[in-house]
Amino acid sequence: MKDKILKEWEEVVGKLTAVKDEGYAITLVFTTVWHVEVPRLSNALIKKFNRMIGMKIGVLRTDVPGKEVLCREIQKEEGQGE
């Protein structure tokens, strides 16, 4: 299993399977058997990640104040699998 702390301006993409609140960081678990940590900025961020469990998502860490961790759902394109 790979563990990684997401650095500024790094993005990770994969199917999210679990979210762990570590107090100081949020650990995101993906189906590709690896974990990524992002800073724990708020309870709202944890709730947002919890709502995305089971989805293919992209998570980007930035150095932009107020937008340090951005996430998005990856939509399947027609005719393509996961």
N, C-alpha and C. Protein backbone atom coordinates (compact mmCIF):
# COMPACT_ATOMS: atom_id res chain seq x y z
N MET A 1 0.84 -1.17 0.00
CA MET A 1 0.00 0.00 0.00
C MET A 1 0.89 1.24 0.00
N LYS A 2 0.56 2.20 -0.84
CA LYS A 2 1.32 3.44 -0.90
C LYS A 2 0.60 4.51 -0.08
N ASP A 3 1.33 5.26 0.72
CA ASP A 3 0.80 6.42 1.43
C ASP A 3 1.52 7.64 0.91
N LYS A 4 0.80 8.72 0.71
CA LYS A 4 1.40 9.93 0.15
C LYS A 4 0.70 11.15 0.72
N ILE A 5 1.48 12.16 1.05
CA ILE A 5 0.93 13.45 1.42
C ILE A 5 0.89 14.28 0.15
N LEU A 6 -0.29 14.74 -0.22
CA LEU A 6 -0.44 15.52 -1.44
C LEU A 6 0.25 16.87 -1.27
N LYS A 7 1.16 17.18 -2.16
CA LYS A 7 1.90 18.44 -2.12
C LYS A 7 1.14 19.50 -2.91
N GLU A 8 1.53 20.76 -2.70
CA GLU A 8 0.89 21.84 -3.44
C GLU A 8 1.03 21.63 -4.94
N TRP A 9 -0.05 21.85 -5.63
CA TRP A 9 -0.18 21.74 -7.08
C TRP A 9 -0.01 20.30 -7.59
N GLU A 10 -0.28 19.34 -6.71
CA GLU A 10 -0.38 17.94 -7.12
C GLU A 10 -1.86 17.58 -7.16
N GLU A 11 -2.21 16.71 -8.09
CA GLU A 11 -3.58 16.23 -8.20
C GLU A 11 -3.57 14.71 -8.19
N VAL A 12 -4.60 14.15 -7.57
CA VAL A 12 -4.78 12.71 -7.56
C VAL A 12 -6.17 12.43 -8.13
N VAL A 13 -6.28 11.36 -8.92
CA VAL A 13 -7.55 10.97 -9.52
C VAL A 13 -7.76 9.49 -9.26
N GLY A 14 -8.95 9.12 -8.83
CA GLY A 14 -9.27 7.72 -8.60
C GLY A 14 -10.64 7.57 -7.99
N LYS A 15 -11.05 6.32 -7.78
CA LYS A 15 -12.34 6.05 -7.15
C LYS A 15 -12.15 6.05 -5.64
N LEU A 16 -12.83 6.96 -4.97
CA LEU A 16 -12.71 7.12 -3.52
C LEU A 16 -13.50 6.02 -2.82
N THR A 17 -12.84 5.30 -1.89
CA THR A 17 -13.51 4.21 -1.18
C THR A 17 -13.70 4.48 0.30
N ALA A 18 -12.91 5.39 0.89
CA ALA A 18 -13.06 5.69 2.32
C ALA A 18 -12.41 7.03 2.64
N VAL A 19 -12.88 7.63 3.73
CA VAL A 19 -12.34 8.90 4.24
C VAL A 19 -12.07 8.70 5.72
N LYS A 20 -10.85 9.04 6.15
CA LYS A 20 -10.47 8.91 7.56
C LYS A 20 -10.06 10.27 8.10
N ASP A 21 -10.69 10.68 9.20
CA ASP A 21 -10.35 11.94 9.85
C ASP A 21 -9.26 11.66 10.87
N GLU A 22 -8.05 12.13 10.59
CA GLU A 22 -6.90 11.88 11.45
C GLU A 22 -6.66 13.03 12.42
N GLY A 23 -7.57 14.01 12.47
CA GLY A 23 -7.42 15.15 13.36
C GLY A 23 -6.65 16.29 12.71
N TYR A 24 -5.46 16.05 12.26
CA TYR A 24 -4.61 17.05 11.63
C TYR A 24 -4.66 16.95 10.11
N ALA A 25 -5.13 15.82 9.61
CA ALA A 25 -5.17 15.57 8.17
C ALA A 25 -6.37 14.68 7.86
N ILE A 26 -6.74 14.65 6.59
CA ILE A 26 -7.78 13.76 6.10
C ILE A 26 -7.09 12.75 5.20
N THR A 27 -7.28 11.46 5.48
CA THR A 27 -6.72 10.42 4.63
C THR A 27 -7.80 9.94 3.67
N LEU A 28 -7.51 10.01 2.39
CA LEU A 28 -8.43 9.56 1.35
C LEU A 28 -7.93 8.21 0.84
N VAL A 29 -8.82 7.22 0.81
CA VAL A 29 -8.46 5.87 0.38
C VAL A 29 -9.10 5.62 -0.99
N PHE A 30 -8.26 5.22 -1.94
CA PHE A 30 -8.71 4.97 -3.31
C PHE A 30 -8.62 3.49 -3.63
N THR A 31 -9.37 3.04 -4.64
CA THR A 31 -9.41 1.62 -5.00
C THR A 31 -8.08 1.12 -5.55
N THR A 32 -7.22 2.00 -5.93
CA THR A 32 -5.94 1.58 -6.50
C THR A 32 -4.93 1.23 -5.42
N VAL A 33 -5.42 0.96 -4.21
CA VAL A 33 -4.61 0.52 -3.07
C VAL A 33 -3.56 1.56 -2.68
N TRP A 34 -3.98 2.78 -2.57
CA TRP A 34 -3.10 3.82 -2.06
C TRP A 34 -3.92 4.85 -1.32
N HIS A 35 -3.24 5.54 -0.42
CA HIS A 35 -3.86 6.55 0.42
C HIS A 35 -3.19 7.88 0.17
N VAL A 36 -3.97 8.94 0.27
CA VAL A 36 -3.44 10.30 0.11
C VAL A 36 -3.93 11.13 1.28
N GLU A 37 -3.03 11.93 1.87
CA GLU A 37 -3.41 12.83 2.94
C GLU A 37 -3.47 14.25 2.43
N VAL A 38 -4.49 14.97 2.88
CA VAL A 38 -4.62 16.40 2.62
C VAL A 38 -4.86 17.09 3.96
N PRO A 39 -4.53 18.38 4.08
CA PRO A 39 -4.75 19.08 5.34
C PRO A 39 -6.23 19.07 5.74
N ARG A 40 -6.49 18.94 7.03
CA ARG A 40 -7.85 18.99 7.53
C ARG A 40 -8.19 20.45 7.77
N LEU A 41 -8.87 21.06 6.83
CA LEU A 41 -9.17 22.49 6.89
C LEU A 41 -10.49 22.79 7.58
N SER A 42 -11.45 21.85 7.48
CA SER A 42 -12.77 22.10 8.08
C SER A 42 -13.58 20.81 8.13
N ASN A 43 -14.63 20.84 8.95
CA ASN A 43 -15.58 19.72 8.99
C ASN A 43 -16.34 19.62 7.67
N ALA A 44 -16.56 20.75 7.02
CA ALA A 44 -17.28 20.76 5.75
C ALA A 44 -16.52 19.97 4.68
N LEU A 45 -15.20 20.06 4.71
CA LEU A 45 -14.39 19.31 3.74
C LEU A 45 -14.53 17.80 3.96
N ILE A 46 -14.53 17.38 5.22
CA ILE A 46 -14.72 15.96 5.52
C ILE A 46 -16.09 15.50 5.03
N LYS A 47 -17.12 16.28 5.29
CA LYS A 47 -18.47 15.93 4.85
C LYS A 47 -18.54 15.84 3.33
N LYS A 48 -17.87 16.78 2.66
CA LYS A 48 -17.87 16.77 1.19
C LYS A 48 -17.22 15.49 0.66
N PHE A 49 -16.07 15.11 1.24
CA PHE A 49 -15.40 13.88 0.82
C PHE A 49 -16.27 12.66 1.13
N ASN A 50 -16.93 12.64 2.28
CA ASN A 50 -17.79 11.51 2.63
C ASN A 50 -18.93 11.34 1.63
N ARG A 51 -19.46 12.45 1.13
CA ARG A 51 -20.53 12.37 0.11
C ARG A 51 -20.00 11.84 -1.22
N MET A 52 -18.69 11.89 -1.43
CA MET A 52 -18.11 11.47 -2.70
C MET A 52 -17.59 10.02 -2.67
N ILE A 53 -17.75 9.33 -1.55
CA ILE A 53 -17.32 7.93 -1.50
C ILE A 53 -18.06 7.13 -2.57
N GLY A 54 -17.31 6.33 -3.31
CA GLY A 54 -17.88 5.54 -4.40
C GLY A 54 -17.78 6.21 -5.76
N MET A 55 -17.40 7.48 -5.77
CA MET A 55 -17.28 8.23 -7.03
C MET A 55 -15.82 8.28 -7.47
N LYS A 56 -15.64 8.44 -8.77
CA LYS A 56 -14.30 8.73 -9.29
C LYS A 56 -14.12 10.24 -9.16
N ILE A 57 -13.07 10.64 -8.44
CA ILE A 57 -12.88 12.06 -8.17
C ILE A 57 -11.45 12.50 -8.49
N GLY A 58 -11.27 13.80 -8.58
CA GLY A 58 -9.96 14.42 -8.67
C GLY A 58 -9.81 15.35 -7.48
N VAL A 59 -8.66 15.31 -6.82
CA VAL A 59 -8.37 16.18 -5.68
C VAL A 59 -7.09 16.93 -6.00
N LEU A 60 -7.16 18.26 -5.92
CA LEU A 60 -6.02 19.12 -6.21
C LEU A 60 -5.70 19.94 -4.97
N ARG A 61 -4.43 19.95 -4.57
CA ARG A 61 -3.99 20.80 -3.47
C ARG A 61 -3.34 22.04 -4.06
N THR A 62 -3.71 23.22 -3.54
CA THR A 62 -3.19 24.47 -4.07
C THR A 62 -2.56 25.29 -2.96
N ASP A 63 -2.03 26.44 -3.32
CA ASP A 63 -1.53 27.39 -2.33
C ASP A 63 -2.41 28.65 -2.33
N VAL A 64 -3.62 28.54 -2.86
CA VAL A 64 -4.54 29.67 -2.93
C VAL A 64 -5.31 29.76 -1.61
N PRO A 65 -5.20 30.88 -0.89
CA PRO A 65 -5.92 31.02 0.38
C PRO A 65 -7.42 30.81 0.21
N GLY A 66 -7.98 29.99 1.07
CA GLY A 66 -9.41 29.69 1.01
C GLY A 66 -9.77 28.59 0.04
N LYS A 67 -8.83 28.17 -0.79
CA LYS A 67 -9.06 27.09 -1.77
C LYS A 67 -7.87 26.14 -1.78
N GLU A 68 -7.42 25.77 -0.58
CA GLU A 68 -6.22 24.94 -0.47
C GLU A 68 -6.42 23.52 -0.98
N VAL A 69 -7.66 23.01 -0.88
CA VAL A 69 -7.97 21.66 -1.37
C VAL A 69 -9.22 21.76 -2.23
N LEU A 70 -9.10 21.41 -3.50
CA LEU A 70 -10.22 21.42 -4.42
C LEU A 70 -10.53 19.99 -4.84
N CYS A 71 -11.82 19.67 -4.99
CA CYS A 71 -12.16 18.33 -5.46
C CYS A 71 -13.29 18.43 -6.47
N ARG A 72 -13.31 17.43 -7.36
CA ARG A 72 -14.31 17.41 -8.41
C ARG A 72 -14.64 15.96 -8.73
N GLU A 73 -15.87 15.73 -9.18
CA GLU A 73 -16.27 14.42 -9.63
C GLU A 73 -15.85 14.28 -11.09
N ILE A 74 -15.28 13.14 -11.44
CA ILE A 74 -14.90 12.85 -12.82
C ILE A 74 -16.08 12.14 -13.47
N GLN A 75 -16.66 12.79 -14.45
CA GLN A 75 -17.80 12.22 -15.16
C GLN A 75 -17.29 11.26 -16.22
N LYS A 76 -17.96 10.13 -16.34
CA LYS A 76 -17.61 9.20 -17.41
C LYS A 76 -18.02 9.80 -18.74
N GLU A 77 -17.14 9.68 -19.70
CA GLU A 77 -17.51 10.13 -21.04
C GLU A 77 -18.25 9.00 -21.73
N GLU A 78 -19.17 9.36 -22.56
CA GLU A 78 -19.98 8.36 -23.26
C GLU A 78 -19.07 7.44 -24.07
N GLY A 79 -19.30 6.13 -23.93
CA GLY A 79 -18.52 5.16 -24.68
C GLY A 79 -17.25 4.72 -23.98
N GLN A 80 -16.96 5.29 -22.79
CA GLN A 80 -15.76 4.89 -22.06
C GLN A 80 -16.15 4.24 -20.75
N GLY A 81 -15.36 3.27 -20.32
CA GLY A 81 -15.55 2.64 -19.02
C GLY A 81 -14.78 3.39 -17.97
N GLU A 82 -14.74 2.81 -16.76
CA GLU A 82 -13.98 3.45 -15.67
C GLU A 82 -12.55 3.31 -15.92
